[in-house]
């Protein structure tokens, strides 16, 4: 149990991209949910290069509340990088990343905070009911977690997104991770620490529309598999060995057949099938290797993860 006399401080980190429709209701729900938790909190909003009035609305709220702070990025870097920028700017003893669309209900932060006070350093929020999502999205999400569960070198919790509570020392460890291509669910999973899971039902989005399409979700899922598993590289060794052994056995059978029955005219169709099949395998294996090489190329350049255009509200005395 943490010392009740010590000042407890909570940081809420929320990336935003073109979320002008949800800003007002987000702050209303969040402030209401945090009131029974603690008065000593900050809300760090990362404007990820929005091209609507999101930043202007955030400034209006920050002008009236010193607990609201804004990190404005110079362009759209993507949610994973925006979340990284927010975590790096947080100062709370406990930190909660949350989506601004309120599909992560802020009301359960109170339960998260209680579990943290009880000594848990990571409190995971697991989506127990996803009926608000489309059937296709639920199915693809299920497939993704099964695939990455089989291939990943670490255990990534099923149906757990970015919504969780992290102790300050967990955040400090995460801030030391230098990689440029970031899959935050995987990075969170590498931290370890004493953790507990609480479950919730995922509600509908309160306003606006999602910025994620299926192609973006596919790319994110593929990024996670590539970043946290070398299995896709290893599997081609096994495929190559299997095909080589099969080809050797087939060659021996052809030699025996020729010695016994003589030669016959080879079929053009079967030859083309074998050539096209092998060519496809070669190109696919080169593509997988290329994905890993591309990430090495990105990492060795060591460019900054993000560029901050402006920070607003951090200079205020809380």
Protein backbone atom coordinates (compact mmCIF):
# COMPACT_ATOMS: atom_id res chain seq x y z
CA UNK A 1 0.00 0.00 0.00
CA UNK A 2 1.33 3.41 -0.93
CA UNK A 3 1.65 6.02 1.79
CA UNK A 4 -1.68 7.86 1.94
CA UNK A 5 0.04 10.99 3.28
CA UNK A 6 2.27 11.38 0.25
CA UNK A 7 0.97 13.52 -2.62
CA UNK A 8 -0.49 11.28 -5.27
CA UNK A 9 -0.40 12.53 -8.82
CA UNK A 10 -2.03 11.01 -11.88
CA UNK A 11 -1.16 11.75 -15.51
CA UNK A 12 -3.72 11.11 -18.24
CA UNK A 13 -2.16 10.85 -21.70
CA UNK A 14 -4.40 11.08 -24.76
CA UNK A 15 -3.29 11.36 -28.41
CA UNK A 16 -5.67 13.31 -30.66
CA UNK A 17 -5.89 13.62 -34.42
CA UNK A 18 -8.81 15.57 -35.92
CA UNK A 19 -10.98 15.00 -32.86
CA UNK A 20 -12.78 18.36 -32.73
CA UNK A 21 -16.15 16.58 -32.34
CA UNK A 22 -15.16 14.83 -29.09
CA UNK A 23 -12.92 17.33 -27.28
CA UNK A 24 -15.65 18.96 -25.18
CA UNK A 25 -17.42 15.78 -24.11
CA UNK A 26 -14.07 14.07 -23.48
CA UNK A 27 -12.98 16.65 -20.91
CA UNK A 28 -16.43 16.68 -19.32
CA UNK A 29 -16.46 12.90 -18.83
CA UNK A 30 -12.82 12.76 -17.80
CA UNK A 31 -13.00 15.50 -15.14
CA UNK A 32 -16.14 13.90 -13.73
CA UNK A 33 -14.47 10.48 -13.58
CA UNK A 34 -11.29 11.78 -11.96
CA UNK A 35 -13.03 13.76 -9.23
CA UNK A 36 -13.41 10.76 -6.86
CA UNK A 37 -9.89 9.55 -7.71
CA UNK A 38 -7.64 12.52 -6.96
CA UNK A 39 -7.56 16.29 -7.45
CA UNK A 40 -3.85 16.17 -8.11
CA UNK A 41 -3.76 15.17 -11.77
CA UNK A 42 -2.75 16.42 -15.17
CA UNK A 43 -4.19 15.75 -18.62
CA UNK A 44 -1.60 15.69 -21.40
CA UNK A 45 -3.13 16.00 -24.85
CA UNK A 46 -0.95 15.30 -27.87
CA UNK A 47 -2.17 17.01 -31.01
CA UNK A 48 -0.83 14.75 -33.73
CA UNK A 49 -0.80 17.31 -36.55
CA UNK A 50 -4.57 17.83 -36.67
CA UNK A 51 -5.90 19.83 -39.61
CA UNK A 52 -9.23 20.78 -38.01
CA UNK A 53 -9.97 22.86 -34.88
CA UNK A 54 -8.75 20.23 -32.41
CA UNK A 55 -5.71 22.26 -31.31
CA UNK A 56 -7.74 25.46 -30.94
CA UNK A 57 -10.29 23.69 -28.75
CA UNK A 58 -7.55 22.16 -26.64
CA UNK A 59 -6.07 25.62 -26.05
CA UNK A 60 -9.46 26.96 -24.96
CA UNK A 61 -9.77 24.24 -22.34
CA UNK A 62 -6.13 24.66 -21.24
CA UNK A 63 -6.65 28.41 -20.74
CA UNK A 64 -9.32 27.66 -18.15
CA UNK A 65 -7.64 24.73 -16.44
CA UNK A 66 -3.94 24.55 -15.53
CA UNK A 67 -4.16 20.76 -15.28
CA UNK A 68 -4.59 20.49 -19.06
CA UNK A 69 -1.33 20.50 -21.02
CA UNK A 70 -0.78 20.28 -24.75
CA UNK A 71 2.01 18.81 -26.82
CA UNK A 72 1.57 19.90 -30.42
CA UNK A 73 3.55 17.86 -32.96
CA UNK A 74 4.82 19.47 -36.15
CA UNK A 75 2.95 16.96 -38.35
CA UNK A 76 1.04 13.71 -38.14
CA UNK A 77 3.43 11.08 -36.80
CA UNK A 78 0.81 8.42 -36.02
CA UNK A 79 -0.80 7.30 -32.79
CA UNK A 80 2.09 5.14 -31.57
CA UNK A 81 4.57 8.02 -31.78
CA UNK A 82 2.08 10.53 -30.39
CA UNK A 83 1.51 8.28 -27.40
CA UNK A 84 5.28 8.03 -26.94
CA UNK A 85 5.54 11.84 -26.89
CA UNK A 86 2.79 12.05 -24.29
CA UNK A 87 4.36 9.46 -22.00
CA UNK A 88 7.71 11.27 -22.23
CA UNK A 89 6.00 14.52 -21.16
CA UNK A 90 4.08 13.03 -18.23
CA UNK A 91 5.16 13.56 -14.64
CA UNK A 92 2.58 11.66 -12.60
CA UNK A 93 3.36 8.84 -10.19
CA UNK A 94 0.78 6.87 -12.15
CA UNK A 95 0.10 7.32 -15.87
CA UNK A 96 -2.98 6.27 -17.85
CA UNK A 97 -2.98 6.34 -21.68
CA UNK A 98 -6.55 6.69 -22.98
CA UNK A 99 -8.25 7.29 -26.33
CA UNK A 100 -10.21 10.51 -26.68
CA UNK A 101 -13.18 8.80 -28.40
CA UNK A 102 -14.27 7.46 -24.99
CA UNK A 103 -14.38 3.86 -26.15
CA UNK A 104 -12.00 3.50 -23.23
CA UNK A 105 -14.44 4.53 -20.46
CA UNK A 106 -12.68 6.90 -18.03
CA UNK A 107 -14.99 5.76 -15.23
CA UNK A 108 -12.86 2.65 -14.64
CA UNK A 109 -9.76 4.76 -13.93
CA UNK A 110 -10.98 4.86 -10.31
CA UNK A 111 -10.70 1.07 -10.09
CA UNK A 112 -7.30 1.18 -11.82
CA UNK A 113 -6.07 3.74 -9.32
CA UNK A 114 -7.25 1.63 -6.36
CA UNK A 115 -5.38 -1.39 -7.70
CA UNK A 116 -2.28 0.77 -8.09
CA UNK A 117 -2.62 1.93 -4.49
CA UNK A 118 -2.83 -1.73 -3.50
CA UNK A 119 0.65 -2.26 -4.90
CA UNK A 120 0.13 -3.23 -8.55
CA UNK A 121 2.54 -1.44 -10.87
CA UNK A 122 0.68 -2.16 -14.10
CA UNK A 123 -3.12 -2.36 -14.30
CA UNK A 124 -4.38 -3.73 -17.61
CA UNK A 125 -7.85 -2.94 -18.96
CA UNK A 126 -9.12 -5.92 -20.95
CA UNK A 127 -12.02 -5.55 -23.38
CA UNK A 128 -14.48 -8.23 -22.27
CA UNK A 129 -17.32 -7.18 -24.57
CA UNK A 130 -16.58 -5.73 -28.04
CA UNK A 131 -20.11 -5.85 -29.44
CA UNK A 132 -19.83 -2.16 -30.30
CA UNK A 133 -17.20 -3.06 -32.93
CA UNK A 134 -18.15 -4.48 -36.31
CA UNK A 135 -18.14 -8.24 -36.83
CA UNK A 136 -15.20 -7.98 -39.24
CA UNK A 137 -13.17 -5.94 -36.77
CA UNK A 138 -13.86 -8.40 -33.96
CA UNK A 139 -12.89 -11.33 -36.18
CA UNK A 140 -9.68 -9.73 -37.47
CA UNK A 141 -8.73 -8.70 -33.94
CA UNK A 142 -9.23 -12.26 -32.73
CA UNK A 143 -7.10 -13.62 -35.56
CA UNK A 144 -4.36 -11.06 -34.86
CA UNK A 145 -4.09 -11.92 -31.17
CA UNK A 146 -3.98 -15.64 -31.98
CA UNK A 147 -1.26 -15.17 -34.61
CA UNK A 148 0.91 -12.85 -32.55
CA UNK A 149 0.37 -15.10 -29.54
CA UNK A 150 1.92 -17.98 -31.50
CA UNK A 151 4.73 -16.00 -33.14
CA UNK A 152 5.76 -13.28 -30.67
CA UNK A 153 8.76 -13.75 -28.40
CA UNK A 154 6.77 -12.20 -25.52
CA UNK A 155 3.25 -12.65 -24.20
CA UNK A 156 0.97 -9.88 -25.47
CA UNK A 157 -2.26 -9.91 -23.41
CA UNK A 158 -5.41 -10.76 -25.38
CA UNK A 159 -7.81 -7.88 -26.10
CA UNK A 160 -5.75 -5.38 -24.13
CA UNK A 161 -5.05 -2.11 -25.92
CA UNK A 162 -3.14 0.98 -24.82
CA UNK A 163 -5.66 1.71 -22.05
CA UNK A 164 -3.92 0.77 -18.81
CA UNK A 165 -2.31 2.29 -15.72
CA UNK A 166 1.47 2.39 -15.46
CA UNK A 167 3.55 3.16 -12.42
CA UNK A 168 6.13 5.91 -12.84
CA UNK A 169 9.05 3.48 -12.84
CA UNK A 170 7.41 1.49 -15.65
CA UNK A 171 7.01 4.69 -17.67
CA UNK A 172 10.63 5.64 -17.06
CA UNK A 173 11.73 2.24 -18.34
CA UNK A 174 9.53 2.63 -21.43
CA UNK A 175 10.95 6.09 -22.13
CA UNK A 176 14.39 4.50 -22.50
CA UNK A 177 13.30 2.35 -25.45
CA UNK A 178 15.00 3.87 -28.51
CA UNK A 179 13.30 2.10 -31.45
CA UNK A 180 11.68 4.20 -34.19
CA UNK A 181 9.14 1.67 -35.42
CA UNK A 182 6.98 1.30 -32.35
CA UNK A 183 4.19 -1.15 -31.56
CA UNK A 184 3.12 0.10 -28.17
CA UNK A 185 1.13 -2.96 -27.10
CA UNK A 186 4.28 -5.00 -27.55
CA UNK A 187 6.51 -2.46 -25.82
CA UNK A 188 4.13 -2.34 -22.86
CA UNK A 189 4.22 -6.14 -22.66
CA UNK A 190 8.03 -6.18 -22.41
CA UNK A 191 8.04 -4.12 -19.20
CA UNK A 192 6.98 -6.81 -16.79
CA UNK A 193 6.33 -5.53 -13.23
CA UNK A 194 3.52 -6.66 -10.95
CA UNK A 195 0.29 -6.48 -12.92
CA UNK A 196 -3.41 -7.20 -12.65
CA UNK A 197 -6.23 -7.26 -15.21
CA UNK A 198 -9.60 -5.56 -14.86
CA UNK A 199 -12.30 -6.12 -17.47
CA UNK A 200 -14.71 -3.71 -19.13
CA UNK A 201 -17.22 -3.51 -21.96
CA UNK A 202 -16.18 -1.40 -24.91
CA UNK A 203 -18.86 1.23 -25.68
CA UNK A 204 -19.66 3.01 -28.92
CA UNK A 205 -17.61 5.99 -30.03
CA UNK A 206 -19.29 9.11 -28.60
CA UNK A 207 -18.80 11.37 -31.62
CA UNK A 208 -16.79 11.81 -34.79
CA UNK A 209 -15.42 8.92 -36.81
CA UNK A 210 -12.45 6.61 -36.44
CA UNK A 211 -9.25 7.55 -38.27
CA UNK A 212 -8.29 3.89 -38.64
CA UNK A 213 -9.17 1.92 -41.76
CA UNK A 214 -8.57 -1.79 -42.29
CA UNK A 215 -5.36 -1.20 -44.26
CA UNK A 216 -3.92 0.87 -41.40
CA UNK A 217 -4.97 -1.78 -38.89
CA UNK A 218 -3.37 -4.47 -41.04
CA UNK A 219 -0.13 -2.49 -41.24
CA UNK A 220 -0.13 -1.98 -37.47
CA UNK A 221 -0.73 -5.70 -36.88
CA UNK A 222 2.05 -6.62 -39.32
CA UNK A 223 4.32 -4.11 -37.60
CA UNK A 224 3.66 -5.83 -34.29
CA UNK A 225 4.48 -9.26 -35.67
CA UNK A 226 7.67 -8.08 -37.37
CA UNK A 227 8.82 -6.07 -34.34
CA UNK A 228 8.33 -8.81 -31.78
CA UNK A 229 9.03 -12.02 -33.63
CA UNK A 230 11.83 -13.47 -35.73
CA UNK A 231 9.69 -16.49 -36.57
CA UNK A 232 8.91 -15.23 -40.07
CA UNK A 233 12.61 -15.32 -40.87
CA UNK A 234 13.16 -18.73 -39.33
CA UNK A 235 10.20 -20.33 -41.05
CA UNK A 236 11.78 -19.93 -44.49
CA UNK A 237 14.67 -22.11 -43.43
CA UNK A 238 12.23 -24.89 -42.61
CA UNK A 239 10.29 -24.32 -45.83
CA UNK A 240 13.53 -24.39 -47.83
CA UNK A 241 14.68 -27.60 -46.15
CA UNK A 242 11.28 -29.25 -46.72
CA UNK A 243 11.21 -28.31 -50.41
CA UNK A 244 14.83 -29.40 -50.90
CA UNK A 245 14.20 -32.78 -49.30
CA UNK A 246 11.05 -33.20 -51.36
CA UNK A 247 12.88 -32.24 -54.55
CA UNK A 248 15.69 -34.68 -53.77
CA UNK A 249 13.26 -37.55 -53.20
CA UNK A 250 11.37 -36.67 -56.37
CA UNK A 251 14.66 -36.55 -58.31
CA UNK A 252 15.66 -39.99 -57.05
CA UNK A 253 12.27 -41.37 -58.08
CA UNK A 254 12.66 -39.87 -61.57
CA UNK A 255 16.11 -41.45 -61.94
CA UNK A 256 14.78 -44.86 -60.88
CA UNK A 257 11.80 -44.51 -63.19
CA UNK A 258 14.04 -43.55 -66.12
CA UNK A 259 16.38 -46.49 -65.51
CA UNK A 260 13.49 -48.93 -65.41
CA UNK A 261 11.02 -47.55 -67.97
CA UNK A 262 13.14 -45.22 -70.07
CA UNK A 263 12.47 -41.53 -70.75
CA UNK A 264 9.19 -39.92 -71.62
CA UNK A 265 8.18 -36.40 -72.67
CA UNK A 266 7.89 -34.05 -69.67
CA UNK A 267 4.61 -32.17 -69.24
CA UNK A 268 4.70 -28.44 -69.97
CA UNK A 269 1.88 -27.63 -67.52
CA UNK A 270 3.50 -29.37 -64.55
CA UNK A 271 6.81 -27.66 -65.31
CA UNK A 272 5.17 -24.21 -65.35
CA UNK A 273 3.33 -24.92 -62.10
CA UNK A 274 6.57 -25.83 -60.36
CA UNK A 275 8.38 -22.77 -61.75
CA UNK A 276 5.60 -20.35 -60.77
CA UNK A 277 5.23 -21.92 -57.33
CA UNK A 278 8.96 -21.72 -56.58
CA UNK A 279 9.19 -18.18 -57.98
CA UNK A 280 6.33 -17.12 -55.72
CA UNK A 281 8.01 -18.64 -52.68
CA UNK A 282 11.28 -16.89 -53.49
CA UNK A 283 9.61 -13.51 -53.92
CA UNK A 284 7.59 -13.99 -50.72
CA UNK A 285 10.70 -14.89 -48.72
CA UNK A 286 12.56 -11.90 -50.17
CA UNK A 287 9.62 -9.69 -49.20
CA UNK A 288 9.72 -10.91 -45.59
CA UNK A 289 13.48 -10.36 -45.44
CA UNK A 290 12.95 -6.92 -46.97
CA UNK A 291 10.52 -5.97 -44.20
CA UNK A 292 13.13 -6.75 -41.55
CA UNK A 293 15.84 -4.94 -43.54
CA UNK A 294 13.61 -1.88 -43.90
CA UNK A 295 13.29 -1.65 -40.14
CA UNK A 296 17.05 -1.96 -39.71
CA UNK A 297 17.42 0.86 -42.26
CA UNK A 298 15.03 3.05 -40.28
CA UNK A 299 16.73 2.33 -36.97
CA UNK A 300 20.31 2.99 -38.09
CA UNK A 301 19.39 6.46 -39.35
CA UNK A 302 18.43 7.30 -35.76
CA UNK A 303 16.17 10.21 -36.67
CA UNK A 304 14.12 11.81 -33.88
CA UNK A 305 10.93 9.95 -33.03
CA UNK A 306 8.87 13.13 -33.29
CA UNK A 307 9.21 16.89 -33.59
CA UNK A 308 7.37 19.10 -31.10
CA UNK A 309 6.02 22.29 -32.63
CA UNK A 310 4.77 23.73 -29.35
CA UNK A 311 4.16 22.85 -25.74
CA UNK A 312 1.32 24.63 -23.98
CA UNK A 313 0.45 24.69 -20.30
CA UNK A 314 3.62 23.11 -18.94
CA UNK A 315 4.92 26.43 -17.71
CA UNK A 316 1.91 26.97 -15.47
CA UNK A 317 2.16 26.38 -11.75
CA UNK A 318 -0.17 23.62 -10.63
